[in-house]
Protein backbone atom coordinates (compact mmCIF):
# COMPACT_ATOMS: atom_id res chain seq x y z
CA GLN A 1 74.02 115.13 101.17
CA VAL A 2 76.10 117.88 99.61
CA GLN A 3 74.98 119.49 96.36
CA LEU A 4 77.34 121.44 94.14
CA VAL A 5 76.07 124.15 91.80
CA GLU A 6 78.34 125.74 89.22
CA SER A 7 77.93 129.15 87.60
CA GLY A 8 79.95 131.59 85.54
CA GLY A 9 80.38 129.72 82.29
CA GLY A 10 79.77 131.32 78.94
CA LEU A 11 81.23 132.35 75.61
CA VAL A 12 84.49 134.28 75.53
CA GLN A 13 87.04 135.15 72.90
CA ALA A 14 90.51 133.65 72.97
CA GLY A 15 92.70 135.55 75.38
CA GLY A 16 89.77 136.48 77.56
CA SER A 17 88.92 135.53 81.13
CA LEU A 18 86.11 133.85 83.02
CA ARG A 19 85.55 133.08 86.67
CA LEU A 20 83.63 129.97 87.56
CA SER A 21 81.95 129.59 90.93
CA CYS A 22 80.79 126.48 92.73
CA THR A 23 78.48 126.88 95.67
CA THR A 24 77.76 123.96 97.98
CA SER A 25 74.47 123.32 99.70
CA GLY A 26 76.27 122.23 102.84
CA SER A 27 79.46 123.24 104.53
CA ILE A 28 82.50 122.65 102.41
CA PHE A 29 84.42 122.03 105.59
CA SER A 30 83.22 118.44 105.16
CA LEU A 31 84.89 118.28 101.76
CA ASN A 32 88.61 118.23 102.28
CA VAL A 33 89.26 118.39 98.56
CA MET A 34 87.45 120.61 96.07
CA ALA A 35 88.30 120.41 92.42
CA TRP A 36 87.40 121.49 88.94
CA TYR A 37 87.24 118.99 86.12
CA ARG A 38 86.39 119.47 82.48
CA GLN A 39 85.18 117.36 79.62
CA ALA A 40 85.48 118.38 75.99
CA PRO A 41 83.39 116.71 73.27
CA GLY A 42 84.76 113.29 72.47
CA LYS A 43 87.30 113.39 75.28
CA GLN A 44 87.53 111.96 78.76
CA ARG A 45 86.86 114.06 81.80
CA GLU A 46 90.08 115.49 83.19
CA MET A 47 91.06 117.23 86.39
CA VAL A 48 91.96 120.89 85.92
CA ALA A 49 92.73 122.05 89.44
CA GLN A 50 92.15 121.06 93.03
CA ILE A 51 92.47 122.64 96.44
CA THR A 52 92.48 121.13 99.91
CA SER A 53 90.88 122.57 103.00
CA GLY A 54 94.36 123.68 104.04
CA GLY A 55 94.81 125.63 100.83
CA THR A 56 97.20 123.30 99.02
CA THR A 57 96.62 123.53 95.29
CA PHE A 58 97.41 121.32 92.33
CA TYR A 59 97.03 122.14 88.66
CA ALA A 60 97.04 120.18 85.47
CA ASN A 61 99.87 121.22 83.17
CA SER A 62 97.34 122.78 80.81
CA ALA A 63 96.12 125.08 83.58
CA LYS A 64 99.39 126.11 85.20
CA GLY A 65 100.08 129.81 84.96
CA ARG A 66 96.63 130.60 83.56
CA PHE A 67 94.06 129.24 86.03
CA THR A 68 93.76 129.86 89.75
CA ILE A 69 91.60 127.83 92.12
CA SER A 70 90.52 129.28 95.45
CA ARG A 71 87.97 128.55 98.12
CA ASP A 72 85.99 130.71 100.51
CA ASN A 73 84.94 128.47 103.35
CA ALA A 74 82.75 131.18 104.88
CA LYS A 75 80.73 131.36 101.67
CA ASN A 76 80.90 127.62 100.95
CA THR A 77 82.18 128.50 97.52
CA VAL A 78 85.07 127.44 95.31
CA TYR A 79 86.26 129.53 92.39
CA LEU A 80 88.22 128.93 89.23
CA GLN A 81 89.69 132.05 87.71
CA MET A 82 90.62 131.35 84.11
CA ASN A 83 92.82 133.80 82.21
CA SER A 84 94.38 133.73 78.76
CA LEU A 85 91.72 131.32 77.59
CA LYS A 86 92.35 129.23 74.50
CA PRO A 87 89.91 127.48 72.14
CA GLU A 88 91.17 124.16 73.51
CA ASP A 89 89.80 125.16 76.92
CA THR A 90 86.30 124.75 75.49
CA ALA A 91 84.53 122.13 77.60
CA VAL A 92 81.90 121.51 80.21
CA TYR A 93 83.46 122.35 83.56
CA TYR A 94 82.42 120.38 86.60
CA CYS A 95 82.85 121.17 90.26
CA ALA A 96 83.75 118.16 92.38
CA GLY A 97 84.34 117.36 96.01
CA ALA A 98 85.99 114.57 97.96
CA LEU A 99 85.85 113.91 101.66
CA ARG A 100 89.54 113.10 102.00
CA VAL A 101 92.73 113.60 100.03
CA GLY A 102 93.28 110.58 97.84
CA ASP A 103 89.64 109.58 97.81
CA ALA A 104 87.63 109.22 94.65
CA ILE A 105 85.27 112.10 94.03
CA ASN A 106 82.21 111.85 96.25
CA TYR A 107 80.15 114.68 94.78
CA TRP A 108 79.76 116.21 91.33
CA GLY A 109 78.02 119.31 90.08
CA HIS A 110 75.98 119.31 86.88
CA GLY A 111 78.53 121.32 84.95
CA THR A 112 78.75 124.68 83.22
CA GLN A 113 79.67 125.21 79.57
CA VAL A 114 82.74 127.25 78.70
CA THR A 115 83.22 128.08 75.03
CA VAL A 116 86.30 129.93 73.79
CA SER A 117 86.11 131.29 70.27
CA SER A 118 89.18 131.84 68.13
């Protein structure tokens, strides 16, 4: 069983930056796809960015040019660097993992709150 633990959320002013981290209890080699999702109050959870074990990345339009996802397999950790933050980025951010590309998410973290003030 793989457990995902997020950290790095917090309160930041618009235009600021945050880096989220997601550490797995087991080897992330077993998770071909790692991703970050977010859910704002009253909205559905949405995918923000994902990265495969081979390093292929995909970003939601809202994240392109501002967010960068990366993974450190040696540290079993995935990161989300968020720059130029906007109030509309305010949400709970969840780390997620899937065993194979195209699979539904197999594992979820508990989430970390990101609040961007205007």
